[in-house]
Amino acid sequence: MAERRPLNILEDEDGDDPILSVVNIVDVFLVIIAVLLIAVLENPLNPFTTQDAMVVKNPGKENMEMLIKEGRELKHYKASGKIGEGQGVKAGAAYRLKDGTMIYVPEGQDAK
């Protein structure tokens, strides 16, 4: 009968195997890749979803940007920093009543 020696972790043959540390590193990278894939899929501007989304960066500031995703189309708008820019004329006025409803009152020739 063979003599049994007590198990000693320092003399463990599997502990010296360098391939085990490579396998552990591969496992860590697989977890990192899975987390990154989940982050990409949860992003509102994900190209694989058909939902519409709008992202506003730096709202109300001079360097404000808007990204609008409609279906598979992505539009990028940048603020110029100027107020009241654009073309058009005043079309009327809008009023909010005490009950919260909004009333639009047109002005000018279109009011008739």
N, C-alpha and C. Protein backbone atom coordinates (compact mmCIF):
# COMPACT_ATOMS: atom_id res chain seq x y z
N MET A 1 0.83 -1.17 0.00
CA MET A 1 0.00 0.00 0.00
C MET A 1 0.89 1.25 0.00
N ALA A 2 0.49 2.24 -0.83
CA ALA A 2 1.29 3.45 -0.97
C ALA A 2 1.06 4.37 0.23
N GLU A 3 2.09 5.05 0.59
CA GLU A 3 2.00 5.96 1.73
C GLU A 3 1.31 7.24 1.27
N ARG A 4 0.34 7.71 2.04
CA ARG A 4 -0.40 8.95 1.71
C ARG A 4 0.30 10.13 2.37
N ARG A 5 0.57 11.12 1.58
CA ARG A 5 1.16 12.33 2.14
C ARG A 5 0.06 13.37 2.31
N PRO A 6 0.18 14.26 3.29
CA PRO A 6 -0.83 15.31 3.45
C PRO A 6 -0.78 16.28 2.26
N LEU A 7 -1.93 16.80 1.89
CA LEU A 7 -2.05 17.74 0.77
C LEU A 7 -1.45 19.08 1.16
N ASN A 8 -0.54 19.54 0.37
CA ASN A 8 0.11 20.81 0.63
C ASN A 8 -0.10 21.69 -0.59
N ILE A 9 -0.64 22.88 -0.37
CA ILE A 9 -0.96 23.78 -1.48
C ILE A 9 0.30 24.21 -2.20
N LEU A 10 1.39 24.36 -1.51
CA LEU A 10 2.62 24.79 -2.16
C LEU A 10 3.18 23.75 -3.10
N GLU A 11 2.85 22.49 -2.87
CA GLU A 11 3.34 21.42 -3.72
C GLU A 11 2.32 20.96 -4.74
N ASP A 12 1.22 21.70 -4.87
CA ASP A 12 0.15 21.33 -5.80
C ASP A 12 0.66 21.47 -7.23
N GLU A 13 0.56 20.42 -8.00
CA GLU A 13 1.06 20.43 -9.37
C GLU A 13 0.21 21.31 -10.28
N ASP A 14 -1.11 21.40 -10.04
CA ASP A 14 -1.97 22.23 -10.88
C ASP A 14 -1.72 23.72 -10.66
N GLY A 15 -1.22 24.09 -9.51
CA GLY A 15 -0.95 25.49 -9.21
C GLY A 15 0.20 26.04 -10.01
N ASP A 16 1.07 25.21 -10.51
CA ASP A 16 2.23 25.66 -11.28
C ASP A 16 1.95 25.73 -12.78
N ASP A 17 0.77 25.36 -13.19
CA ASP A 17 0.44 25.30 -14.61
C ASP A 17 0.20 26.73 -15.13
N PRO A 18 1.03 27.25 -16.06
CA PRO A 18 0.87 28.63 -16.55
C PRO A 18 -0.38 28.81 -17.42
N ILE A 19 -0.90 27.75 -17.97
CA ILE A 19 -2.09 27.88 -18.82
C ILE A 19 -3.32 28.28 -18.01
N LEU A 20 -3.33 27.97 -16.71
CA LEU A 20 -4.47 28.35 -15.87
C LEU A 20 -4.58 29.86 -15.74
N SER A 21 -3.47 30.58 -15.65
CA SER A 21 -3.56 32.03 -15.57
C SER A 21 -4.01 32.62 -16.90
N VAL A 22 -3.64 32.01 -18.02
CA VAL A 22 -4.12 32.48 -19.33
C VAL A 22 -5.62 32.27 -19.43
N VAL A 23 -6.12 31.15 -18.95
CA VAL A 23 -7.56 30.88 -18.97
C VAL A 23 -8.29 31.91 -18.12
N ASN A 24 -7.74 32.27 -16.98
CA ASN A 24 -8.37 33.28 -16.13
C ASN A 24 -8.40 34.64 -16.81
N ILE A 25 -7.34 35.00 -17.51
CA ILE A 25 -7.32 36.28 -18.23
C ILE A 25 -8.37 36.27 -19.35
N VAL A 26 -8.50 35.16 -20.05
CA VAL A 26 -9.51 35.05 -21.10
C VAL A 26 -10.90 35.21 -20.50
N ASP A 27 -11.15 34.63 -19.34
CA ASP A 27 -12.45 34.77 -18.68
C ASP A 27 -12.73 36.23 -18.34
N VAL A 28 -11.74 36.93 -17.86
CA VAL A 28 -11.92 38.35 -17.52
C VAL A 28 -12.25 39.15 -18.78
N PHE A 29 -11.55 38.89 -19.87
CA PHE A 29 -11.83 39.60 -21.12
C PHE A 29 -13.22 39.27 -21.66
N LEU A 30 -13.69 38.05 -21.50
CA LEU A 30 -15.04 37.71 -21.93
C LEU A 30 -16.09 38.48 -21.14
N VAL A 31 -15.86 38.65 -19.85
CA VAL A 31 -16.80 39.43 -19.04
C VAL A 31 -16.78 40.89 -19.47
N ILE A 32 -15.61 41.45 -19.74
CA ILE A 32 -15.51 42.84 -20.19
C ILE A 32 -16.21 43.03 -21.53
N ILE A 33 -16.04 42.09 -22.44
CA ILE A 33 -16.71 42.17 -23.75
C ILE A 33 -18.22 42.10 -23.58
N ALA A 34 -18.70 41.25 -22.70
CA ALA A 34 -20.14 41.14 -22.46
C ALA A 34 -20.70 42.45 -21.90
N VAL A 35 -19.99 43.07 -20.98
CA VAL A 35 -20.45 44.34 -20.41
C VAL A 35 -20.47 45.43 -21.49
N LEU A 36 -19.47 45.48 -22.34
CA LEU A 36 -19.44 46.47 -23.41
C LEU A 36 -20.57 46.25 -24.42
N LEU A 37 -20.88 45.01 -24.74
CA LEU A 37 -21.99 44.73 -25.65
C LEU A 37 -23.33 45.17 -25.05
N ILE A 38 -23.50 44.94 -23.77
CA ILE A 38 -24.74 45.38 -23.11
C ILE A 38 -24.82 46.90 -23.13
N ALA A 39 -23.70 47.58 -22.90
CA ALA A 39 -23.69 49.04 -22.93
C ALA A 39 -24.05 49.57 -24.32
N VAL A 40 -23.56 48.93 -25.37
CA VAL A 40 -23.88 49.36 -26.74
C VAL A 40 -25.35 49.13 -27.04
N LEU A 41 -25.89 48.01 -26.62
CA LEU A 41 -27.29 47.71 -26.90
C LEU A 41 -28.25 48.60 -26.11
N GLU A 42 -27.84 49.08 -24.93
CA GLU A 42 -28.70 49.94 -24.12
C GLU A 42 -28.61 51.40 -24.53
N ASN A 43 -27.67 51.76 -25.40
CA ASN A 43 -27.48 53.13 -25.85
C ASN A 43 -28.70 53.55 -26.67
N PRO A 44 -29.27 54.75 -26.40
CA PRO A 44 -30.45 55.17 -27.17
C PRO A 44 -30.16 55.41 -28.65
N LEU A 45 -28.91 55.63 -29.01
CA LEU A 45 -28.57 55.86 -30.42
C LEU A 45 -28.07 54.59 -31.09
N ASN A 46 -28.40 53.45 -30.53
CA ASN A 46 -28.00 52.16 -31.07
C ASN A 46 -28.53 52.01 -32.50
N PRO A 47 -27.68 51.72 -33.47
CA PRO A 47 -28.14 51.62 -34.86
C PRO A 47 -29.00 50.38 -35.12
N PHE A 48 -29.05 49.44 -34.20
CA PHE A 48 -29.80 48.21 -34.43
C PHE A 48 -31.24 48.29 -33.95
N THR A 49 -31.64 49.39 -33.30
CA THR A 49 -33.02 49.54 -32.86
C THR A 49 -33.78 50.42 -33.84
N THR A 50 -35.08 50.29 -33.86
CA THR A 50 -35.91 51.10 -34.74
C THR A 50 -36.62 52.20 -33.98
N GLN A 51 -36.36 52.35 -32.72
CA GLN A 51 -37.00 53.38 -31.92
C GLN A 51 -36.40 54.75 -32.25
N ASP A 52 -37.24 55.79 -32.17
CA ASP A 52 -36.76 57.15 -32.36
C ASP A 52 -36.20 57.65 -31.03
N ALA A 53 -35.15 58.46 -31.11
CA ALA A 53 -34.53 58.98 -29.89
C ALA A 53 -33.94 60.36 -30.16
N MET A 54 -33.84 61.16 -29.09
CA MET A 54 -33.22 62.47 -29.18
C MET A 54 -32.31 62.65 -27.97
N VAL A 55 -31.07 63.03 -28.22
CA VAL A 55 -30.10 63.27 -27.15
C VAL A 55 -29.66 64.72 -27.26
N VAL A 56 -29.73 65.45 -26.13
CA VAL A 56 -29.31 66.84 -26.09
C VAL A 56 -28.07 66.93 -25.21
N LYS A 57 -26.99 67.46 -25.79
CA LYS A 57 -25.75 67.66 -25.04
C LYS A 57 -25.64 69.13 -24.65
N ASN A 58 -25.26 69.41 -23.43
CA ASN A 58 -25.08 70.77 -22.91
C ASN A 58 -26.32 71.63 -23.14
N PRO A 59 -27.49 71.23 -22.62
CA PRO A 59 -28.72 71.99 -22.91
C PRO A 59 -28.66 73.41 -22.37
N GLY A 60 -29.09 74.37 -23.20
CA GLY A 60 -29.16 75.77 -22.82
C GLY A 60 -27.85 76.52 -22.89
N LYS A 61 -26.78 75.88 -23.30
CA LYS A 61 -25.48 76.55 -23.38
C LYS A 61 -25.15 76.87 -24.83
N GLU A 62 -24.11 77.67 -25.02
CA GLU A 62 -23.75 78.07 -26.38
C GLU A 62 -23.26 76.92 -27.24
N ASN A 63 -22.70 75.89 -26.63
CA ASN A 63 -22.19 74.76 -27.41
C ASN A 63 -23.15 73.57 -27.37
N MET A 64 -24.44 73.85 -27.27
CA MET A 64 -25.45 72.79 -27.22
C MET A 64 -25.50 72.03 -28.55
N GLU A 65 -25.66 70.71 -28.45
CA GLU A 65 -25.78 69.86 -29.64
C GLU A 65 -26.99 68.94 -29.46
N MET A 66 -27.62 68.59 -30.57
CA MET A 66 -28.75 67.66 -30.55
C MET A 66 -28.48 66.55 -31.55
N LEU A 67 -28.69 65.31 -31.11
CA LEU A 67 -28.63 64.15 -31.99
C LEU A 67 -30.03 63.57 -32.04
N ILE A 68 -30.58 63.47 -33.24
CA ILE A 68 -31.94 62.96 -33.41
C ILE A 68 -31.86 61.72 -34.28
N LYS A 69 -32.40 60.62 -33.76
CA LYS A 69 -32.41 59.36 -34.49
C LYS A 69 -33.86 59.03 -34.84
N GLU A 70 -34.14 58.99 -36.13
CA GLU A 70 -35.47 58.63 -36.63
C GLU A 70 -35.30 57.40 -37.51
N GLY A 71 -35.70 56.25 -36.98
CA GLY A 71 -35.50 55.00 -37.70
C GLY A 71 -34.02 54.70 -37.81
N ARG A 72 -33.50 54.62 -39.03
CA ARG A 72 -32.08 54.35 -39.23
C ARG A 72 -31.30 55.62 -39.58
N GLU A 73 -31.99 56.77 -39.59
CA GLU A 73 -31.37 58.04 -39.95
C GLU A 73 -30.95 58.80 -38.69
N LEU A 74 -29.74 59.33 -38.68
CA LEU A 74 -29.20 60.07 -37.55
C LEU A 74 -28.87 61.49 -38.00
N LYS A 75 -29.48 62.49 -37.33
CA LYS A 75 -29.24 63.90 -37.68
C LYS A 75 -28.51 64.56 -36.52
N HIS A 76 -27.58 65.46 -36.86
CA HIS A 76 -26.78 66.16 -35.85
C HIS A 76 -26.98 67.65 -36.04
N TYR A 77 -27.41 68.33 -34.97
CA TYR A 77 -27.61 69.78 -35.00
C TYR A 77 -26.71 70.42 -33.96
N LYS A 78 -26.08 71.56 -34.32
CA LYS A 78 -25.24 72.31 -33.40
C LYS A 78 -25.83 73.70 -33.23
N ALA A 79 -25.84 74.19 -31.99
CA ALA A 79 -26.33 75.54 -31.73
C ALA A 79 -25.27 76.55 -32.17
N SER A 80 -25.74 77.66 -32.71
CA SER A 80 -24.81 78.70 -33.14
C SER A 80 -24.49 79.66 -32.00
N GLY A 81 -25.24 79.59 -30.92
CA GLY A 81 -25.02 80.49 -29.79
C GLY A 81 -25.80 81.78 -29.89
N LYS A 82 -26.48 81.98 -30.99
CA LYS A 82 -27.27 83.20 -31.18
C LYS A 82 -28.74 82.91 -30.85
N ILE A 83 -29.41 83.92 -30.32
CA ILE A 83 -30.82 83.76 -29.95
C ILE A 83 -31.68 84.40 -31.04
N GLY A 84 -32.79 83.76 -31.36
CA GLY A 84 -33.73 84.32 -32.32
C GLY A 84 -33.29 84.20 -33.75
N GLU A 85 -32.45 83.25 -34.04
CA GLU A 85 -31.97 83.07 -35.39
C GLU A 85 -33.01 82.29 -36.19
N GLY A 86 -33.17 82.63 -37.44
CA GLY A 86 -34.09 81.89 -38.29
C GLY A 86 -34.95 82.83 -39.10
N GLN A 87 -35.85 82.26 -39.87
CA GLN A 87 -36.71 83.04 -40.73
C GLN A 87 -38.15 82.82 -40.30
N GLY A 88 -38.98 83.82 -40.55
CA GLY A 88 -40.39 83.68 -40.22
C GLY A 88 -40.93 84.95 -39.58
N VAL A 89 -42.21 84.92 -39.32
CA VAL A 89 -42.87 86.05 -38.68
C VAL A 89 -43.70 85.53 -37.52
N LYS A 90 -44.04 86.44 -36.63
CA LYS A 90 -44.86 86.06 -35.49
C LYS A 90 -46.25 85.70 -35.99
N ALA A 91 -46.73 84.53 -35.59
CA ALA A 91 -48.00 84.04 -36.09
C ALA A 91 -49.14 84.26 -35.09
N GLY A 92 -48.82 84.57 -33.86
CA GLY A 92 -49.86 84.75 -32.86
C GLY A 92 -49.29 84.62 -31.47
N ALA A 93 -50.18 84.39 -30.54
CA ALA A 93 -49.76 84.26 -29.15
C ALA A 93 -50.45 83.05 -28.54
N ALA A 94 -49.80 82.44 -27.59
CA ALA A 94 -50.36 81.30 -26.88
C ALA A 94 -50.50 81.67 -25.41
N TYR A 95 -51.64 81.29 -24.82
CA TYR A 95 -51.91 81.59 -23.42
C TYR A 95 -52.27 80.30 -22.69
N ARG A 96 -51.81 80.21 -21.44
CA ARG A 96 -52.17 79.06 -20.60
C ARG A 96 -53.21 79.53 -19.59
N LEU A 97 -54.34 78.84 -19.56
CA LEU A 97 -55.40 79.17 -18.61
C LEU A 97 -55.12 78.54 -17.25
N LYS A 98 -55.90 78.93 -16.24
CA LYS A 98 -55.70 78.41 -14.89
C LYS A 98 -55.85 76.90 -14.81
N ASP A 99 -56.72 76.33 -15.66
CA ASP A 99 -56.91 74.87 -15.63
C ASP A 99 -55.83 74.11 -16.41
N GLY A 100 -54.87 74.83 -17.00
CA GLY A 100 -53.75 74.19 -17.68
C GLY A 100 -53.91 74.08 -19.18
N THR A 101 -55.06 74.41 -19.72
CA THR A 101 -55.25 74.31 -21.17
C THR A 101 -54.56 75.48 -21.86
N MET A 102 -54.16 75.23 -23.10
CA MET A 102 -53.47 76.25 -23.89
C MET A 102 -54.41 76.77 -24.96
N ILE A 103 -54.39 78.09 -25.18
CA ILE A 103 -55.20 78.72 -26.23
C ILE A 103 -54.26 79.49 -27.14
N TYR A 104 -54.41 79.27 -28.43
CA TYR A 104 -53.61 79.97 -29.44
C TYR A 104 -54.48 81.04 -30.07
N VAL A 105 -53.98 82.27 -30.10
CA VAL A 105 -54.69 83.38 -30.71
C VAL A 105 -53.86 83.88 -31.90
N PRO A 106 -54.35 83.63 -33.13
CA PRO A 106 -53.57 84.06 -34.31
C PRO A 106 -53.62 85.59 -34.45
N GLU A 107 -52.59 86.15 -35.12
CA GLU A 107 -52.51 87.59 -35.37
C GLU A 107 -52.39 87.83 -36.85
N GLY A 108 -52.69 89.06 -37.29
CA GLY A 108 -52.47 89.46 -38.66
C GLY A 108 -53.59 89.02 -39.59
N GLN A 109 -53.27 88.87 -40.89
CA GLN A 109 -54.25 88.58 -41.91
C GLN A 109 -54.79 87.15 -41.77
N ASP A 110 -54.02 86.24 -41.23
CA ASP A 110 -54.48 84.86 -41.09
C ASP A 110 -55.52 84.72 -40.00
N ALA A 111 -55.75 85.77 -39.20
CA ALA A 111 -56.70 85.70 -38.08
C ALA A 111 -58.12 85.64 -38.57
N LYS A 112 -58.39 86.11 -39.78
CA LYS A 112 -59.76 86.17 -40.29
C LYS A 112 -60.27 84.84 -40.62
